[in-house]
Amino acid sequence: MALLNAKDLESKIAQIGKTAGELQSEIQIAAVNAIGHSIENGDIRFGQKLFDVLPSGVRRASLVAFLEKHGNFAYLKDEKKFAYYKAQTSYDEVALLATSWASAKSENIVSEYDVQDMFDKLMKRIESAIKKSGDGSVKVLNTPLYDYLQEAQDRFNAEREFVKAA
């Protein structure tokens, strides 16, 4: 391949920018219609197909967040596919076209919550705060609640182990 001259290279870069903008617009239209099908027909296969054809460099996590937030989609991370999850009952195409799919935050992707994991994180934060209170830099209020939660967690874990053993 020969080195492009400056004018041809500028033209090539401008074309890439135009093509990228068109791709974003086409993804928006397809995503909004996939959401419409999930709400009106309970059909999530179009969202799955769109996700599958997106190149890895494109904001796939944002697409997942957009579909989950506005449609009847739940992303199964381990299987890398969508499941039907009835969350929406109405479809507003105009509003969705005005909401950029690419601005959806991947942090918003939540298809399941693990209460044990969330509780463990809470307890670690409380323990950290209590350690900091030892040097006087932080004041921790209602510490008896921490003791109560710790006892409840210990009882829960003991019961769970008992059930597993049975």
N, C-alpha and C. Protein backbone atom coordinates (compact mmCIF):
# COMPACT_ATOMS: atom_id res chain seq x y z
N MET A 1 0.85 -1.17 0.00
CA MET A 1 0.00 0.00 0.00
C MET A 1 0.90 1.24 0.00
N ALA A 2 0.58 2.14 -0.87
CA ALA A 2 1.35 3.38 -0.98
C ALA A 2 0.88 4.38 0.06
N LEU A 3 1.78 5.20 0.50
CA LEU A 3 1.48 6.25 1.47
C LEU A 3 0.53 7.26 0.82
N LEU A 4 -0.59 7.54 1.50
CA LEU A 4 -1.55 8.51 0.98
C LEU A 4 -0.99 9.92 1.13
N ASN A 5 -1.32 10.75 0.17
CA ASN A 5 -0.92 12.15 0.32
C ASN A 5 -1.84 12.80 1.36
N ALA A 6 -1.48 13.98 1.82
CA ALA A 6 -2.21 14.65 2.90
C ALA A 6 -3.67 14.87 2.57
N LYS A 7 -3.98 15.27 1.35
CA LYS A 7 -5.36 15.55 0.96
C LYS A 7 -6.19 14.26 0.98
N ASP A 8 -5.65 13.17 0.44
CA ASP A 8 -6.37 11.90 0.42
C ASP A 8 -6.56 11.35 1.83
N LEU A 9 -5.54 11.53 2.68
CA LEU A 9 -5.64 11.07 4.06
C LEU A 9 -6.71 11.86 4.81
N GLU A 10 -6.76 13.17 4.61
CA GLU A 10 -7.81 13.98 5.24
C GLU A 10 -9.18 13.50 4.81
N SER A 11 -9.34 13.21 3.53
CA SER A 11 -10.60 12.74 2.98
C SER A 11 -10.98 11.38 3.60
N LYS A 12 -9.99 10.50 3.72
CA LYS A 12 -10.22 9.17 4.30
C LYS A 12 -10.68 9.29 5.75
N ILE A 13 -10.02 10.15 6.52
CA ILE A 13 -10.38 10.34 7.92
C ILE A 13 -11.78 10.93 8.05
N ALA A 14 -12.12 11.88 7.21
CA ALA A 14 -13.47 12.47 7.22
C ALA A 14 -14.51 11.41 6.91
N GLN A 15 -14.22 10.53 5.96
CA GLN A 15 -15.14 9.45 5.58
C GLN A 15 -15.34 8.49 6.75
N ILE A 16 -14.26 8.19 7.46
CA ILE A 16 -14.36 7.31 8.62
C ILE A 16 -15.26 7.94 9.68
N GLY A 17 -15.08 9.23 9.93
CA GLY A 17 -15.92 9.93 10.89
C GLY A 17 -17.38 9.89 10.50
N LYS A 18 -17.65 10.08 9.22
CA LYS A 18 -19.03 10.05 8.72
C LYS A 18 -19.62 8.64 8.86
N THR A 19 -18.83 7.64 8.52
CA THR A 19 -19.28 6.26 8.61
C THR A 19 -19.56 5.88 10.07
N ALA A 20 -18.69 6.33 10.98
CA ALA A 20 -18.89 6.04 12.40
C ALA A 20 -20.18 6.66 12.91
N GLY A 21 -20.46 7.89 12.50
CA GLY A 21 -21.70 8.55 12.89
C GLY A 21 -22.92 7.83 12.35
N GLU A 22 -22.82 7.38 11.11
CA GLU A 22 -23.92 6.62 10.51
C GLU A 22 -24.14 5.31 11.24
N LEU A 23 -23.06 4.65 11.63
CA LEU A 23 -23.17 3.39 12.37
C LEU A 23 -23.89 3.62 13.69
N GLN A 24 -23.52 4.67 14.43
CA GLN A 24 -24.18 4.97 15.70
C GLN A 24 -25.68 5.19 15.49
N SER A 25 -26.00 5.91 14.44
CA SER A 25 -27.41 6.19 14.14
C SER A 25 -28.17 4.91 13.79
N GLU A 26 -27.55 4.04 13.03
CA GLU A 26 -28.19 2.77 12.65
C GLU A 26 -28.37 1.87 13.87
N ILE A 27 -27.38 1.85 14.74
CA ILE A 27 -27.49 1.06 15.97
C ILE A 27 -28.64 1.59 16.81
N GLN A 28 -28.77 2.93 16.89
CA GLN A 28 -29.86 3.54 17.66
C GLN A 28 -31.21 3.08 17.14
N ILE A 29 -31.39 3.14 15.84
CA ILE A 29 -32.67 2.75 15.23
C ILE A 29 -32.96 1.28 15.49
N ALA A 30 -31.94 0.43 15.30
CA ALA A 30 -32.13 -1.01 15.53
C ALA A 30 -32.43 -1.29 17.00
N ALA A 31 -31.73 -0.63 17.91
CA ALA A 31 -31.94 -0.86 19.34
C ALA A 31 -33.35 -0.43 19.76
N VAL A 32 -33.78 0.72 19.28
CA VAL A 32 -35.12 1.20 19.63
C VAL A 32 -36.19 0.24 19.11
N ASN A 33 -36.01 -0.25 17.91
CA ASN A 33 -36.97 -1.20 17.36
C ASN A 33 -36.92 -2.55 18.09
N ALA A 34 -35.73 -2.98 18.50
CA ALA A 34 -35.61 -4.21 19.28
C ALA A 34 -36.36 -4.06 20.61
N ILE A 35 -36.25 -2.88 21.21
CA ILE A 35 -36.98 -2.60 22.45
C ILE A 35 -38.48 -2.67 22.19
N GLY A 36 -38.91 -2.06 21.08
CA GLY A 36 -40.33 -2.10 20.73
C GLY A 36 -40.84 -3.52 20.58
N HIS A 37 -40.08 -4.37 19.94
CA HIS A 37 -40.50 -5.77 19.77
C HIS A 37 -40.53 -6.50 21.11
N SER A 38 -39.61 -6.16 22.01
CA SER A 38 -39.61 -6.83 23.32
C SER A 38 -40.84 -6.44 24.13
N ILE A 39 -41.28 -5.21 23.97
CA ILE A 39 -42.44 -4.72 24.74
C ILE A 39 -43.75 -5.14 24.09
N GLU A 40 -43.86 -4.96 22.80
CA GLU A 40 -45.14 -5.22 22.13
C GLU A 40 -45.37 -6.69 21.79
N ASN A 41 -44.29 -7.44 21.54
CA ASN A 41 -44.45 -8.83 21.11
C ASN A 41 -43.77 -9.83 22.04
N GLY A 42 -43.04 -9.35 23.03
CA GLY A 42 -42.30 -10.25 23.90
C GLY A 42 -41.14 -10.94 23.19
N ASP A 43 -40.67 -10.35 22.11
CA ASP A 43 -39.65 -10.94 21.26
C ASP A 43 -38.31 -10.24 21.49
N ILE A 44 -37.36 -10.94 22.09
CA ILE A 44 -36.07 -10.34 22.41
C ILE A 44 -34.98 -10.73 21.41
N ARG A 45 -35.31 -11.52 20.43
CA ARG A 45 -34.25 -12.02 19.53
C ARG A 45 -33.57 -10.92 18.74
N PHE A 46 -34.25 -9.81 18.46
CA PHE A 46 -33.62 -8.74 17.69
C PHE A 46 -32.56 -8.02 18.52
N GLY A 47 -32.80 -7.85 19.81
CA GLY A 47 -31.80 -7.28 20.69
C GLY A 47 -30.58 -8.19 20.77
N GLN A 48 -30.83 -9.49 20.84
CA GLN A 48 -29.73 -10.45 20.89
C GLN A 48 -28.92 -10.42 19.60
N LYS A 49 -29.62 -10.38 18.47
CA LYS A 49 -28.92 -10.35 17.18
C LYS A 49 -28.08 -9.08 17.04
N LEU A 50 -28.63 -7.95 17.46
CA LEU A 50 -27.89 -6.70 17.40
C LEU A 50 -26.63 -6.79 18.27
N PHE A 51 -26.78 -7.29 19.46
CA PHE A 51 -25.64 -7.45 20.36
C PHE A 51 -24.58 -8.36 19.73
N ASP A 52 -25.03 -9.45 19.13
CA ASP A 52 -24.10 -10.42 18.55
C ASP A 52 -23.31 -9.87 17.37
N VAL A 53 -23.90 -8.96 16.59
CA VAL A 53 -23.19 -8.45 15.40
C VAL A 53 -22.31 -7.25 15.70
N LEU A 54 -22.44 -6.66 16.87
CA LEU A 54 -21.61 -5.50 17.19
C LEU A 54 -20.16 -5.93 17.36
N PRO A 55 -19.25 -5.19 16.75
CA PRO A 55 -17.83 -5.49 16.96
C PRO A 55 -17.45 -5.25 18.42
N SER A 56 -16.44 -5.94 18.89
CA SER A 56 -16.06 -5.83 20.30
C SER A 56 -15.63 -4.42 20.69
N GLY A 57 -15.15 -3.62 19.75
CA GLY A 57 -14.74 -2.26 20.06
C GLY A 57 -15.90 -1.31 20.27
N VAL A 58 -17.08 -1.69 19.81
CA VAL A 58 -18.27 -0.85 19.98
C VAL A 58 -18.78 -1.04 21.40
N ARG A 59 -19.43 -0.06 21.94
CA ARG A 59 -19.85 -0.06 23.34
C ARG A 59 -20.97 -1.07 23.59
N ARG A 60 -20.61 -2.34 23.61
CA ARG A 60 -21.60 -3.39 23.82
C ARG A 60 -22.26 -3.29 25.20
N ALA A 61 -21.48 -2.94 26.21
CA ALA A 61 -22.03 -2.82 27.56
C ALA A 61 -23.08 -1.72 27.62
N SER A 62 -22.88 -0.66 26.86
CA SER A 62 -23.87 0.41 26.81
C SER A 62 -25.15 -0.07 26.13
N LEU A 63 -25.01 -0.89 25.10
CA LEU A 63 -26.19 -1.44 24.44
C LEU A 63 -26.97 -2.31 25.42
N VAL A 64 -26.27 -3.15 26.16
CA VAL A 64 -26.93 -4.00 27.15
C VAL A 64 -27.69 -3.13 28.16
N ALA A 65 -27.04 -2.10 28.67
CA ALA A 65 -27.68 -1.21 29.64
C ALA A 65 -28.92 -0.54 29.04
N PHE A 66 -28.80 -0.10 27.80
CA PHE A 66 -29.92 0.58 27.13
C PHE A 66 -31.10 -0.38 26.95
N LEU A 67 -30.82 -1.60 26.49
CA LEU A 67 -31.89 -2.58 26.28
C LEU A 67 -32.54 -2.97 27.61
N GLU A 68 -31.73 -3.17 28.64
CA GLU A 68 -32.29 -3.54 29.94
C GLU A 68 -33.12 -2.41 30.55
N LYS A 69 -32.63 -1.20 30.41
CA LYS A 69 -33.33 -0.07 31.03
C LYS A 69 -34.66 0.24 30.35
N HIS A 70 -34.70 0.14 29.04
CA HIS A 70 -35.88 0.60 28.31
C HIS A 70 -36.75 -0.53 27.75
N GLY A 71 -36.26 -1.73 27.73
CA GLY A 71 -37.02 -2.84 27.16
C GLY A 71 -37.23 -3.96 28.16
N ASN A 72 -37.65 -5.09 27.65
CA ASN A 72 -37.91 -6.27 28.49
C ASN A 72 -36.77 -7.27 28.34
N PHE A 73 -35.58 -6.80 28.66
CA PHE A 73 -34.37 -7.60 28.51
C PHE A 73 -33.68 -7.76 29.86
N ALA A 74 -33.12 -8.94 30.07
CA ALA A 74 -32.22 -9.18 31.19
C ALA A 74 -31.00 -9.88 30.60
N TYR A 75 -29.84 -9.31 30.81
CA TYR A 75 -28.62 -9.89 30.25
C TYR A 75 -28.05 -10.92 31.21
N LEU A 76 -27.86 -12.13 30.70
CA LEU A 76 -27.27 -13.21 31.48
C LEU A 76 -25.77 -13.22 31.20
N LYS A 77 -25.00 -12.65 32.10
CA LYS A 77 -23.57 -12.43 31.88
C LYS A 77 -22.81 -13.71 31.57
N ASP A 78 -23.06 -14.76 32.35
CA ASP A 78 -22.31 -16.00 32.16
C ASP A 78 -22.58 -16.64 30.80
N GLU A 79 -23.81 -16.52 30.32
CA GLU A 79 -24.18 -17.12 29.04
C GLU A 79 -24.00 -16.16 27.87
N LYS A 80 -23.74 -14.89 28.18
CA LYS A 80 -23.59 -13.84 27.17
C LYS A 80 -24.79 -13.80 26.22
N LYS A 81 -25.97 -13.85 26.84
CA LYS A 81 -27.19 -13.74 26.04
C LYS A 81 -28.28 -13.08 26.87
N PHE A 82 -29.34 -12.69 26.18
CA PHE A 82 -30.46 -12.05 26.84
C PHE A 82 -31.54 -13.06 27.16
N ALA A 83 -32.29 -12.74 28.19
CA ALA A 83 -33.50 -13.48 28.53
C ALA A 83 -34.63 -12.45 28.59
N TYR A 84 -35.84 -12.93 28.41
CA TYR A 84 -37.00 -12.04 28.50
C TYR A 84 -37.26 -11.75 29.97
N TYR A 85 -37.43 -10.47 30.26
CA TYR A 85 -37.75 -10.03 31.62
C TYR A 85 -38.73 -8.88 31.49
N LYS A 86 -39.98 -9.13 31.86
CA LYS A 86 -41.00 -8.10 31.69
C LYS A 86 -40.80 -6.98 32.70
N ALA A 87 -40.32 -5.85 32.20
CA ALA A 87 -40.09 -4.69 33.04
C ALA A 87 -40.86 -3.48 32.52
N GLN A 88 -41.12 -3.46 31.23
CA GLN A 88 -41.78 -2.32 30.59
C GLN A 88 -43.09 -2.77 29.98
N THR A 89 -44.07 -1.87 29.99
CA THR A 89 -45.36 -2.17 29.37
C THR A 89 -45.70 -1.21 28.25
N SER A 90 -44.98 -0.10 28.16
CA SER A 90 -45.27 0.87 27.11
C SER A 90 -44.01 1.20 26.33
N TYR A 91 -44.21 1.59 25.09
CA TYR A 91 -43.12 1.84 24.16
C TYR A 91 -43.29 3.22 23.57
N ASP A 92 -42.33 4.11 23.79
CA ASP A 92 -42.37 5.47 23.25
C ASP A 92 -41.18 5.63 22.31
N GLU A 93 -41.41 5.37 21.04
CA GLU A 93 -40.35 5.38 20.04
C GLU A 93 -39.66 6.74 19.96
N VAL A 94 -40.43 7.81 19.99
CA VAL A 94 -39.87 9.16 19.86
C VAL A 94 -38.91 9.45 21.02
N ALA A 95 -39.34 9.14 22.24
CA ALA A 95 -38.49 9.38 23.40
C ALA A 95 -37.22 8.53 23.35
N LEU A 96 -37.37 7.29 22.91
CA LEU A 96 -36.21 6.41 22.85
C LEU A 96 -35.23 6.83 21.77
N LEU A 97 -35.73 7.32 20.66
CA LEU A 97 -34.83 7.79 19.61
C LEU A 97 -34.04 9.02 20.07
N ALA A 98 -34.61 9.76 21.00
CA ALA A 98 -33.93 10.94 21.52
C ALA A 98 -32.96 10.60 22.65
N THR A 99 -32.99 9.36 23.13
CA THR A 99 -32.11 8.90 24.20
C THR A 99 -31.00 8.06 23.59
N SER A 100 -29.78 8.55 23.66
CA SER A 100 -28.67 7.85 23.02
C SER A 100 -28.37 6.52 23.69
N TRP A 101 -28.34 5.47 22.90
CA TRP A 101 -27.99 4.15 23.45
C TRP A 101 -26.56 4.15 23.97
N ALA A 102 -25.69 4.90 23.30
CA ALA A 102 -24.27 4.90 23.64
C ALA A 102 -23.99 5.60 24.97
N SER A 103 -24.96 6.36 25.48
CA SER A 103 -24.74 7.06 26.75
C SER A 103 -25.13 6.22 27.95
N ALA A 104 -25.74 5.07 27.71
CA ALA A 104 -26.11 4.20 28.82
C ALA A 104 -24.85 3.70 29.51
N LYS A 105 -24.85 3.72 30.81
CA LYS A 105 -23.67 3.34 31.57
C LYS A 105 -23.65 1.84 31.83
N SER A 106 -22.49 1.25 31.61
CA SER A 106 -22.36 -0.18 31.84
C SER A 106 -22.55 -0.52 33.32
N GLU A 107 -22.31 0.45 34.20
CA GLU A 107 -22.51 0.19 35.62
C GLU A 107 -23.97 -0.12 35.93
N ASN A 108 -24.86 0.29 35.05
CA ASN A 108 -26.28 0.08 35.28
C ASN A 108 -26.74 -1.32 34.93
N ILE A 109 -25.83 -2.12 34.43
CA ILE A 109 -26.22 -3.46 34.03
C ILE A 109 -26.37 -4.32 35.29
N VAL A 110 -27.59 -4.65 35.64
CA VAL A 110 -27.86 -5.48 36.80
C VAL A 110 -29.00 -6.42 36.45
N SER A 111 -28.67 -7.68 36.36
CA SER A 111 -29.69 -8.68 36.08
C SER A 111 -29.99 -9.52 37.32
N GLU A 112 -29.11 -9.45 38.30
CA GLU A 112 -29.35 -10.18 39.53
C GLU A 112 -28.60 -9.50 40.67
N TYR A 113 -29.13 -9.67 41.85
CA TYR A 113 -28.50 -9.15 43.04
C TYR A 113 -28.19 -10.32 43.96
N ASP A 114 -27.01 -10.33 44.54
CA ASP A 114 -26.63 -11.35 45.51
C ASP A 114 -26.61 -10.67 46.87
N VAL A 115 -27.63 -10.94 47.67
CA VAL A 115 -27.77 -10.29 48.97
C VAL A 115 -26.58 -10.63 49.85
N GLN A 116 -26.10 -11.87 49.80
CA GLN A 116 -24.95 -12.26 50.61
C GLN A 116 -23.73 -11.42 50.25
N ASP A 117 -23.48 -11.25 48.97
CA ASP A 117 -22.34 -10.45 48.52
C ASP A 117 -22.50 -9.00 48.95
N MET A 118 -23.71 -8.45 48.79
CA MET A 118 -23.96 -7.07 49.19
C MET A 118 -23.78 -6.90 50.69
N PHE A 119 -24.26 -7.86 51.47
CA PHE A 119 -24.15 -7.81 52.92
C PHE A 119 -22.69 -7.89 53.35
N ASP A 120 -21.94 -8.79 52.71
CA ASP A 120 -20.51 -8.92 53.05
C ASP A 120 -19.77 -7.61 52.81
N LYS A 121 -20.08 -6.94 51.70
CA LYS A 121 -19.45 -5.66 51.40
C LYS A 121 -19.82 -4.61 52.44
N LEU A 122 -21.09 -4.59 52.84
CA LEU A 122 -21.53 -3.66 53.88
C LEU A 122 -20.78 -3.91 55.18
N MET A 123 -20.68 -5.17 55.55
CA MET A 123 -20.00 -5.50 56.81
C MET A 123 -18.52 -5.09 56.76
N LYS A 124 -17.87 -5.27 55.64
CA LYS A 124 -16.47 -4.86 55.51
C LYS A 124 -16.32 -3.34 55.64
N ARG A 125 -17.28 -2.62 55.06
CA ARG A 125 -17.23 -1.15 55.18
C ARG A 125 -17.41 -0.72 56.64
N ILE A 126 -18.32 -1.40 57.33
CA ILE A 126 -18.55 -1.07 58.75
C ILE A 126 -17.30 -1.40 59.56
N GLU A 127 -16.71 -2.57 59.31
CA GLU A 127 -15.49 -2.96 60.03
C GLU A 127 -14.38 -1.94 59.80
N SER A 128 -14.24 -1.48 58.57
CA SER A 128 -13.23 -0.49 58.24
C SER A 128 -13.48 0.81 59.01
N ALA A 129 -14.73 1.22 59.07
CA ALA A 129 -15.08 2.45 59.80
C ALA A 129 -14.79 2.30 61.29
N ILE A 130 -15.08 1.13 61.83
CA ILE A 130 -14.84 0.89 63.26
C ILE A 130 -13.33 0.93 63.54
N LYS A 131 -12.53 0.36 62.65
CA LYS A 131 -11.07 0.42 62.82
C LYS A 131 -10.58 1.86 62.81
N LYS A 132 -11.13 2.66 61.90
CA LYS A 132 -10.75 4.07 61.83
C LYS A 132 -11.16 4.82 63.09
N SER A 133 -12.27 4.40 63.69
CA SER A 133 -12.73 5.09 64.89
C SER A 133 -11.79 4.85 66.07
N GLY A 134 -10.99 3.79 65.98
CA GLY A 134 -10.04 3.49 67.05
C GLY A 134 -8.99 4.57 67.23
N ASP A 135 -8.61 5.23 66.15
CA ASP A 135 -7.61 6.31 66.26
C ASP A 135 -8.25 7.68 66.42
N GLY A 136 -9.58 7.71 66.48
CA GLY A 136 -10.27 8.96 66.72
C GLY A 136 -10.53 9.80 65.47
N SER A 137 -10.13 9.31 64.29
CA SER A 137 -10.32 10.11 63.08
C SER A 137 -11.76 10.05 62.56
N VAL A 138 -12.51 9.04 63.00
CA VAL A 138 -13.89 8.87 62.55
C VAL A 138 -14.75 8.49 63.75
N LYS A 139 -15.95 9.01 63.79
CA LYS A 139 -16.89 8.65 64.85
C LYS A 139 -17.93 7.70 64.25
N VAL A 140 -18.10 6.55 64.83
CA VAL A 140 -19.07 5.56 64.35
C VAL A 140 -20.24 5.53 65.31
N LEU A 141 -21.44 5.73 64.78
CA LEU A 141 -22.66 5.75 65.58
C LEU A 141 -23.36 4.40 65.48
N ASN A 142 -24.14 4.06 66.48
CA ASN A 142 -24.99 2.87 66.48
C ASN A 142 -24.20 1.57 66.29
N THR A 143 -23.04 1.46 66.92
CA THR A 143 -22.24 0.24 66.79
C THR A 143 -22.95 -1.02 67.31
N PRO A 144 -23.89 -0.92 68.26
CA PRO A 144 -24.60 -2.15 68.64
C PRO A 144 -25.34 -2.79 67.45
N LEU A 145 -25.74 -1.98 66.49
CA LEU A 145 -26.40 -2.53 65.30
C LEU A 145 -25.43 -3.42 64.53
N TYR A 146 -24.16 -3.02 64.47
CA TYR A 146 -23.15 -3.85 63.80
C TYR A 146 -23.06 -5.21 64.50
N ASP A 147 -23.01 -5.19 65.85
CA ASP A 147 -22.94 -6.45 66.59
C ASP A 147 -24.15 -7.33 66.29
N TYR A 148 -25.32 -6.72 66.24
CA TYR A 148 -26.55 -7.46 65.93
C TYR A 148 -26.48 -8.07 64.53
N LEU A 149 -26.03 -7.27 63.55
CA LEU A 149 -25.92 -7.78 62.18
C LEU A 149 -24.89 -8.90 62.09
N GLN A 150 -23.79 -8.78 62.82
CA GLN A 150 -22.77 -9.83 62.81
C GLN A 150 -23.34 -11.13 63.37
N GLU A 151 -24.09 -11.04 64.46
CA GLU A 151 -24.72 -12.23 65.05
C GLU A 151 -25.72 -12.85 64.08
N ALA A 152 -26.51 -12.01 63.41
CA ALA A 152 -27.48 -12.51 62.44
C ALA A 152 -26.78 -13.21 61.28
N GLN A 153 -25.68 -12.63 60.83
CA GLN A 153 -24.93 -13.24 59.73
C GLN A 153 -24.35 -14.59 60.17
N ASP A 154 -23.83 -14.65 61.38
CA ASP A 154 -23.28 -15.91 61.89
C ASP A 154 -24.37 -16.98 61.98
N ARG A 155 -25.56 -16.62 62.48
CA ARG A 155 -26.68 -17.57 62.55
C ARG A 155 -27.07 -18.04 61.15
N PHE A 156 -27.17 -17.10 60.23
CA PHE A 156 -27.54 -17.45 58.85
C PHE A 156 -26.54 -18.43 58.25
N ASN A 157 -25.25 -18.14 58.41
CA ASN A 157 -24.21 -19.01 57.85
C ASN A 157 -24.25 -20.40 58.49
N ALA A 158 -24.49 -20.46 59.80
CA ALA A 158 -24.56 -21.75 60.49
C ALA A 158 -25.75 -22.56 59.98
N GLU A 159 -26.90 -21.91 59.80
CA GLU A 159 -28.08 -22.60 59.29
C GLU A 159 -27.87 -23.08 57.86
N ARG A 160 -27.22 -22.26 57.06
CA ARG A 160 -26.95 -22.64 55.67
C ARG A 160 -26.02 -23.85 55.62
N GLU A 161 -25.01 -23.87 56.46
CA GLU A 161 -24.08 -25.01 56.49
C GLU A 161 -24.80 -26.27 56.98
N PHE A 162 -25.70 -26.11 57.94
CA PHE A 162 -26.47 -27.25 58.46
C PHE A 162 -27.34 -27.84 57.36
N VAL A 163 -27.99 -26.98 56.57
CA VAL A 163 -28.86 -27.44 55.48
C VAL A 163 -28.03 -28.14 54.40
N LYS A 164 -26.85 -27.60 54.10
CA LYS A 164 -25.97 -28.21 53.10
C LYS A 164 -25.54 -29.60 53.54
N ALA A 165 -25.26 -29.75 54.83
CA ALA A 165 -24.79 -31.03 55.35
C ALA A 165 -25.89 -32.08 55.34
N ALA A 166 -27.13 -31.67 55.43
CA ALA A 166 -28.26 -32.62 55.51
C ALA A 166 -28.60 -33.26 54.20
